[in-house]
Amino acid sequence: MKDTKYQKFNISINIGDKPYKVFDLQIQPEDTTDGVPFYICETNGVEISRLRKDEKNQWEQIWGDLDTRTINNIGKAIEMHDSSRF
């Protein structure tokens, strides 16, 4: 059986403050040396952000220029995807 822990997956998410603007994102989980995964977020093949959870279990952006609301929305979608795999 193939390990799906770090396979790319897709989500649709609102980015920014305009509720009618929905983007399809490709999310690529990656491992780190400290064991906390980060997530590369791309749209149309262009990387727009890298996210991970901080020590307080809050989503943070380690690369990119997304607003806090968008970061949290993407984080929630990642959590929903991860929880649906088990």
C-alpha atoms as a PDB file:
ATOM      1  CA  MET A   1       0.000   0.000   0.000  1.00  0.00           C
ATOM      2  CA  LYS A   2       1.344   3.419  -0.986  1.00  0.00           C
ATOM      3  CA  ASP A   3       2.044   5.948   1.797  1.00  0.00           C
ATOM      4  CA  THR A   4      -0.299   8.892   1.212  1.00  0.00           C
ATOM      5  CA  LYS A   5       1.063  11.043   4.046  1.00  0.00           C
ATOM      6  CA  TYR A   6       2.841  13.450   1.695  1.00  0.00           C
ATOM      7  CA  GLN A   7       0.808  13.252  -1.493  1.00  0.00           C
ATOM      8  CA  LYS A   8      -0.366  16.447  -3.149  1.00  0.00           C
ATOM      9  CA  PHE A   9      -4.088  17.170  -2.801  1.00  0.00           C
ATOM     10  CA  ASN A  10      -6.513  19.855  -3.988  1.00  0.00           C
ATOM     11  CA  ILE A  11      -8.778  22.249  -2.104  1.00  0.00           C
ATOM     12  CA  SER A  12     -11.032  25.130  -3.151  1.00  0.00           C
ATOM     13  CA  ILE A  13     -10.740  28.157  -0.900  1.00  0.00           C
ATOM     14  CA  ASN A  14     -11.666  31.826  -0.672  1.00  0.00           C
ATOM     15  CA  ILE A  15      -8.545  33.999  -0.812  1.00  0.00           C
ATOM     16  CA  GLY A  16      -8.700  37.553   0.449  1.00  0.00           C
ATOM     17  CA  ASP A  17     -11.710  39.544   1.547  1.00  0.00           C
ATOM     18  CA  LYS A  18     -13.968  38.995  -1.464  1.00  0.00           C
ATOM     19  CA  PRO A  19     -16.236  35.996  -0.761  1.00  0.00           C
ATOM     20  CA  TYR A  20     -16.974  35.389  -4.442  1.00  0.00           C
ATOM     21  CA  LYS A  21     -13.301  34.885  -5.346  1.00  0.00           C
ATOM     22  CA  VAL A  22     -12.598  31.158  -4.935  1.00  0.00           C
ATOM     23  CA  PHE A  23      -9.305  29.578  -5.967  1.00  0.00           C
ATOM     24  CA  ASP A  24      -8.399  25.954  -6.546  1.00  0.00           C
ATOM     25  CA  LEU A  25      -5.204  25.251  -4.631  1.00  0.00           C
ATOM     26  CA  GLN A  26      -2.833  22.331  -4.820  1.00  0.00           C
ATOM     27  CA  ILE A  27      -1.375  21.492  -1.415  1.00  0.00           C
ATOM     28  CA  GLN A  28       1.909  19.583  -1.132  1.00  0.00           C
ATOM     29  CA  PRO A  29       2.782  18.422   2.398  1.00  0.00           C
ATOM     30  CA  GLU A  30       6.515  18.312   3.153  1.00  0.00           C
ATOM     31  CA  ASP A  31       8.413  16.983   6.144  1.00  0.00           C
ATOM     32  CA  THR A  32      10.927  19.017   8.140  1.00  0.00           C
ATOM     33  CA  THR A  33      13.857  18.132  10.355  1.00  0.00           C
ATOM     34  CA  ASP A  34      11.856  19.069  13.467  1.00  0.00           C
ATOM     35  CA  GLY A  35       9.042  16.685  12.500  1.00  0.00           C
ATOM     36  CA  VAL A  36       6.410  19.401  11.996  1.00  0.00           C
ATOM     37  CA  PRO A  37       5.156  19.283   8.400  1.00  0.00           C
ATOM     38  CA  PHE A  38       4.689  22.379   6.302  1.00  0.00           C
ATOM     39  CA  TYR A  39       2.380  22.772   3.328  1.00  0.00           C
ATOM     40  CA  ILE A  40       3.312  24.279  -0.023  1.00  0.00           C
ATOM     41  CA  CYS A  41       0.269  26.039  -1.499  1.00  0.00           C
ATOM     42  CA  GLU A  42       0.093  26.518  -5.272  1.00  0.00           C
ATOM     43  CA  THR A  43      -2.481  27.788  -7.730  1.00  0.00           C
ATOM     44  CA  ASN A  44      -2.087  27.223 -11.467  1.00  0.00           C
ATOM     45  CA  GLY A  45       1.423  25.874 -10.839  1.00  0.00           C
ATOM     46  CA  VAL A  46       2.576  29.014  -8.987  1.00  0.00           C
ATOM     47  CA  GLU A  47       3.591  28.784  -5.334  1.00  0.00           C
ATOM     48  CA  ILE A  48       1.720  31.394  -3.286  1.00  0.00           C
ATOM     49  CA  SER A  49       2.477  30.368   0.291  1.00  0.00           C
ATOM     50  CA  ARG A  50       3.979  27.887   2.734  1.00  0.00           C
ATOM     51  CA  LEU A  51       2.067  27.186   5.922  1.00  0.00           C
ATOM     52  CA  ARG A  52       2.616  25.217   9.111  1.00  0.00           C
ATOM     53  CA  LYS A  53       1.249  25.044  12.631  1.00  0.00           C
ATOM     54  CA  ASP A  54       3.227  26.859  15.308  1.00  0.00           C
ATOM     55  CA  GLU A  55       3.954  25.641  18.836  1.00  0.00           C
ATOM     56  CA  LYS A  56       0.534  26.970  19.950  1.00  0.00           C
ATOM     57  CA  ASN A  57      -1.195  24.879  17.265  1.00  0.00           C
ATOM     58  CA  GLN A  58      -2.051  28.013  15.251  1.00  0.00           C
ATOM     59  CA  TRP A  59      -1.531  28.252  11.502  1.00  0.00           C
ATOM     60  CA  GLU A  60       1.338  30.489  10.439  1.00  0.00           C
ATOM     61  CA  GLN A  61       2.752  31.493   7.098  1.00  0.00           C
ATOM     62  CA  ILE A  62       6.460  30.778   6.713  1.00  0.00           C
ATOM     63  CA  TRP A  63       6.595  32.125   3.172  1.00  0.00           C
ATOM     64  CA  GLY A  64       4.183  34.226   1.123  1.00  0.00           C
ATOM     65  CA  ASP A  65       1.940  37.240   1.488  1.00  0.00           C
ATOM     66  CA  LEU A  66      -1.530  35.990   2.450  1.00  0.00           C
ATOM     67  CA  ASP A  67      -3.734  37.698   5.020  1.00  0.00           C
ATOM     68  CA  THR A  68      -4.493  36.046   8.368  1.00  0.00           C
ATOM     69  CA  ARG A  69      -8.058  35.101   7.413  1.00  0.00           C
ATOM     70  CA  THR A  70      -6.873  33.318   4.276  1.00  0.00           C
ATOM     71  CA  ILE A  71      -4.109  31.508   6.179  1.00  0.00           C
ATOM     72  CA  ASN A  72      -6.650  30.237   8.705  1.00  0.00           C
ATOM     73  CA  ASN A  73      -9.120  29.219   5.966  1.00  0.00           C
ATOM     74  CA  ILE A  74      -6.454  27.219   4.153  1.00  0.00           C
ATOM     75  CA  GLY A  75      -5.341  25.685   7.466  1.00  0.00           C
ATOM     76  CA  LYS A  76      -8.897  24.583   8.258  1.00  0.00           C
ATOM     77  CA  ALA A  77      -9.220  23.012   4.808  1.00  0.00           C
ATOM     78  CA  ILE A  78      -5.920  21.165   5.326  1.00  0.00           C
ATOM     79  CA  GLU A  79      -7.155  19.885   8.701  1.00  0.00           C
ATOM     80  CA  MET A  80     -10.422  18.701   7.146  1.00  0.00           C
ATOM     81  CA  HIS A  81      -8.509  16.889   4.416  1.00  0.00           C
ATOM     82  CA  ASP A  82      -6.117  15.279   6.902  1.00  0.00           C
ATOM     83  CA  SER A  83      -8.936  14.155   9.206  1.00  0.00           C
ATOM     84  CA  SER A  84     -10.890  12.613   6.313  1.00  0.00           C
ATOM     85  CA  ARG A  85      -7.985  10.280   5.480  1.00  0.00           C
ATOM     86  CA  PHE A  86      -8.322   8.296   8.716  1.00  0.00           C
END
